[in-house]
Protein backbone atom coordinates (compact mmCIF):
# COMPACT_ATOMS: atom_id res chain seq x y z
CA UNK A 1 0.22 -0.19 -0.06
CA UNK A 2 0.97 3.60 -0.82
CA UNK A 3 3.06 5.69 2.38
CA UNK A 4 0.95 8.05 4.11
CA UNK A 5 0.87 10.95 2.16
CA UNK A 6 2.03 9.35 -0.87
CA UNK A 7 -0.91 8.13 -3.77
CA UNK A 8 -1.01 5.65 -6.43
CA UNK A 9 -1.29 6.79 -10.09
CA UNK A 10 -0.87 5.38 -13.16
CA UNK A 11 0.75 2.43 -11.02
CA UNK A 12 3.71 4.77 -10.18
CA UNK A 13 3.60 5.76 -6.44
CA UNK A 14 4.07 9.65 -6.41
CA UNK A 15 3.87 12.20 -3.98
CA UNK A 16 0.39 13.90 -3.07
CA UNK A 17 1.80 17.04 -3.95
CA UNK A 18 2.13 16.26 -7.43
CA UNK A 19 -1.29 15.21 -8.01
CA UNK A 20 -2.48 18.38 -6.40
CA UNK A 21 -0.58 20.83 -8.66
CA UNK A 22 -1.59 18.84 -11.49
CA UNK A 23 -4.72 18.66 -10.85
CA UNK A 24 -5.23 22.82 -9.69
CA UNK A 25 -3.28 23.12 -13.97
CA UNK A 26 -6.50 21.44 -14.78
CA UNK A 27 -8.71 23.25 -13.06
CA UNK A 28 -7.09 26.33 -14.71
CA UNK A 29 -6.84 25.21 -18.12
CA UNK A 30 -10.41 24.80 -17.85
CA UNK A 31 -11.78 27.91 -15.58
CA UNK A 32 -9.50 29.96 -18.94
CA UNK A 33 -10.55 27.86 -21.80
CA UNK A 34 -14.00 28.73 -20.53
CA UNK A 35 -13.44 32.27 -20.65
CA UNK A 36 -12.58 32.22 -24.22
CA UNK A 37 -14.95 30.04 -24.91
CA UNK A 38 -17.50 33.05 -23.77
CA UNK A 39 -15.90 35.50 -25.34
CA UNK A 40 -16.24 34.08 -28.71
CA UNK A 41 -19.52 32.90 -27.84
CA UNK A 42 -20.56 36.49 -27.36
CA UNK A 43 -18.77 38.00 -29.79
CA UNK A 44 -20.65 35.68 -32.71
CA UNK A 45 -23.74 36.23 -31.32
CA UNK A 46 -22.91 40.32 -31.37
CA UNK A 47 -23.98 40.50 -27.91
CA UNK A 48 -21.76 41.79 -24.69
CA UNK A 49 -20.65 39.15 -22.88
CA UNK A 50 -22.22 38.01 -19.01
CA UNK A 51 -19.97 40.33 -17.13
CA UNK A 52 -20.53 38.66 -14.12
CA UNK A 53 -19.71 35.21 -15.19
CA UNK A 54 -16.05 36.57 -16.47
CA UNK A 55 -16.15 38.47 -13.21
CA UNK A 56 -16.89 35.52 -11.24
CA UNK A 57 -14.28 33.44 -13.25
CA UNK A 58 -11.53 36.19 -13.36
CA UNK A 59 -12.04 35.87 -9.43
CA UNK A 60 -11.50 32.20 -8.98
CA UNK A 61 -8.02 32.36 -11.42
CA UNK A 62 -6.98 35.75 -8.90
CA UNK A 63 -7.79 33.81 -5.43
CA UNK A 64 -6.84 30.37 -5.80
CA UNK A 65 -4.08 29.63 -8.50
CA UNK A 66 -2.14 33.54 -8.22
CA UNK A 67 -3.08 33.91 -4.88
CA UNK A 68 -2.72 30.10 -3.05
CA UNK A 69 -1.02 27.85 -5.47
CA UNK A 70 1.46 30.69 -6.64
CA UNK A 71 2.26 31.07 -3.14
CA UNK A 72 2.35 26.59 -1.91
CA UNK A 73 4.86 26.66 -5.12
CA UNK A 74 7.06 29.54 -4.26
CA UNK A 75 7.16 29.53 -0.54
CA UNK A 76 7.33 25.83 0.20
CA UNK A 77 8.15 23.80 -3.58
CA UNK A 78 11.19 25.88 -4.75
CA UNK A 79 12.99 26.41 -1.60
CA UNK A 80 12.94 22.72 -1.35
CA UNK A 81 14.55 22.18 -5.02
CA UNK A 82 17.36 24.88 -4.59
CA UNK A 83 18.67 23.53 -1.36
CA UNK A 84 18.78 19.93 -3.08
CA UNK A 85 20.37 21.33 -6.25
CA UNK A 86 21.98 24.46 -7.76
CA UNK A 87 20.43 22.78 -11.26
CA UNK A 88 17.22 24.67 -10.19
CA UNK A 89 18.45 27.83 -9.41
CA UNK A 90 17.79 29.44 -13.18
CA UNK A 91 14.80 27.62 -13.53
CA UNK A 92 13.25 28.79 -10.46
CA UNK A 93 13.77 32.29 -10.76
CA UNK A 94 12.27 32.19 -14.21
CA UNK A 95 9.05 30.23 -12.89
CA UNK A 96 8.81 32.61 -9.77
CA UNK A 97 9.76 35.27 -12.28
CA UNK A 98 6.58 34.39 -13.79
CA UNK A 99 4.34 33.94 -11.08
CA UNK A 100 5.39 37.84 -10.13
CA UNK A 101 4.73 38.97 -13.44
CA UNK A 102 1.07 36.56 -13.86
CA UNK A 103 0.21 38.21 -10.30
CA UNK A 104 0.46 42.19 -11.88
CA UNK A 105 -1.46 40.48 -15.33
CA UNK A 106 -4.28 39.19 -13.71
CA UNK A 107 -4.78 42.61 -12.29
CA UNK A 108 -4.69 44.60 -15.48
CA UNK A 109 -7.00 41.72 -17.22
CA UNK A 110 -9.85 42.70 -14.38
CA UNK A 111 -9.00 46.40 -15.22
CA UNK A 112 -9.75 45.96 -19.02
CA UNK A 113 -12.81 43.76 -18.32
CA UNK A 114 -13.86 46.25 -15.75
CA UNK A 115 -12.86 49.10 -18.52
CA UNK A 116 -15.36 46.87 -21.20
CA UNK A 117 -18.12 46.61 -18.81
CA UNK A 118 -18.20 50.53 -18.10
CA UNK A 119 -17.37 51.74 -21.55
CA UNK A 120 -19.19 49.58 -24.01
CA UNK A 121 -17.67 47.38 -26.99
CA UNK A 122 -15.03 50.26 -27.74
CA UNK A 123 -12.75 48.23 -25.46
CA UNK A 124 -14.40 44.78 -26.08
CA UNK A 125 -10.90 44.06 -28.32
CA UNK A 126 -8.08 45.53 -25.52
CA UNK A 127 -9.99 43.17 -22.86
CA UNK A 128 -9.97 40.54 -24.83
CA UNK A 129 -6.32 41.10 -26.62
CA UNK A 130 -5.28 41.07 -22.25
CA UNK A 131 -7.35 38.23 -21.59
CA UNK A 132 -5.53 36.27 -24.11
CA UNK A 133 -2.15 37.36 -23.67
CA UNK A 134 -2.84 35.66 -20.11
CA UNK A 135 -4.05 32.32 -21.06
CA UNK A 136 -1.31 32.18 -23.08
CA UNK A 137 1.48 32.85 -20.83
CA UNK A 138 -0.18 30.55 -18.26
CA UNK A 139 -0.37 28.22 -20.21
CA UNK A 140 3.42 28.25 -21.57
CA UNK A 141 4.53 28.26 -17.60
CA UNK A 142 2.01 25.20 -16.62
CA UNK A 143 4.03 23.54 -19.39
CA UNK A 144 7.77 24.32 -18.05
CA UNK A 145 6.63 23.52 -14.32
CA UNK A 146 5.26 20.11 -15.51
CA UNK A 147 8.00 19.73 -17.86
CA UNK A 148 11.04 20.86 -16.14
CA UNK A 149 10.41 21.72 -12.71
CA UNK A 150 7.85 18.79 -11.50
CA UNK A 151 10.95 16.04 -13.50
CA UNK A 152 13.37 17.47 -11.04
CA UNK A 153 11.20 17.30 -8.07
CA UNK A 154 10.85 13.84 -8.09
CA UNK A 155 14.85 13.39 -8.86
CA UNK A 156 16.13 15.16 -6.01
CA UNK A 157 13.80 15.48 -3.38
CA UNK A 158 13.69 13.05 -0.45
CA UNK A 159 11.07 11.10 0.76
CA UNK A 160 11.07 13.64 4.15
CA UNK A 161 10.91 16.56 1.74
CA UNK A 162 7.86 15.14 -0.10
CA UNK A 163 5.67 13.93 3.36
CA UNK A 164 6.40 17.77 4.20
CA UNK A 165 5.21 19.89 0.45
CA UNK A 166 1.99 16.73 1.36
CA UNK A 167 1.11 18.36 3.95
CA UNK A 168 1.75 21.83 3.05
CA UNK A 169 -0.43 21.81 -0.60
CA UNK A 170 -3.00 19.29 0.89
CA UNK A 171 -4.02 22.91 3.14
CA UNK A 172 -5.96 25.30 1.13
CA UNK A 173 -6.80 23.02 -1.66
CA UNK A 174 -8.52 25.14 -4.95
CA UNK A 175 -12.32 24.03 -4.46
CA UNK A 176 -12.76 23.69 -8.85
CA UNK A 177 -10.50 20.43 -8.15
CA UNK A 178 -12.94 18.85 -5.77
CA UNK A 179 -11.93 20.52 -2.73
CA UNK A 180 -13.70 22.68 -0.64
CA UNK A 181 -11.72 26.00 0.75
CA UNK A 182 -10.21 26.20 4.64
CA UNK A 183 -11.93 28.36 6.68
CA UNK A 184 -9.23 30.42 6.12
CA UNK A 185 -9.24 30.33 2.72
């Protein structure tokens, strides 16, 4: 049986942290795709999008991936990787830079949405371009994490590292990945 803090996926024993990160990435990917589909539908129909739905979707993106998911990676996972191997330094510096840029970018997207909602059709294009840029950047970021950082973590982190990470990543889970946020969330 898998050890405490470890889950079985595709017949391979994996730390829960990896499953949690991938699950949160999948939830975010679905949300970003839904935003783009909503925008494409409103453009096709020649109508304004449902601004309430867009605000709620962007709130989710800001609240969970930006504020919780990134923080857990930057404050918990990345320091452990930095301590285990110098090979991670450049990659983790880039990922931290992307986290900071993404937090600023979501504010720009939210501002562009408000501008579109308040100023009308003339602001649709700037919002859609800001949204598409954000989606493209975030997809590239997740791909970099999944192709480079996660395999590196699997190679160099110890069972003790994973036990600590599994405990920390298991808290304040993303509600769209099937988990209720905690009372302090």
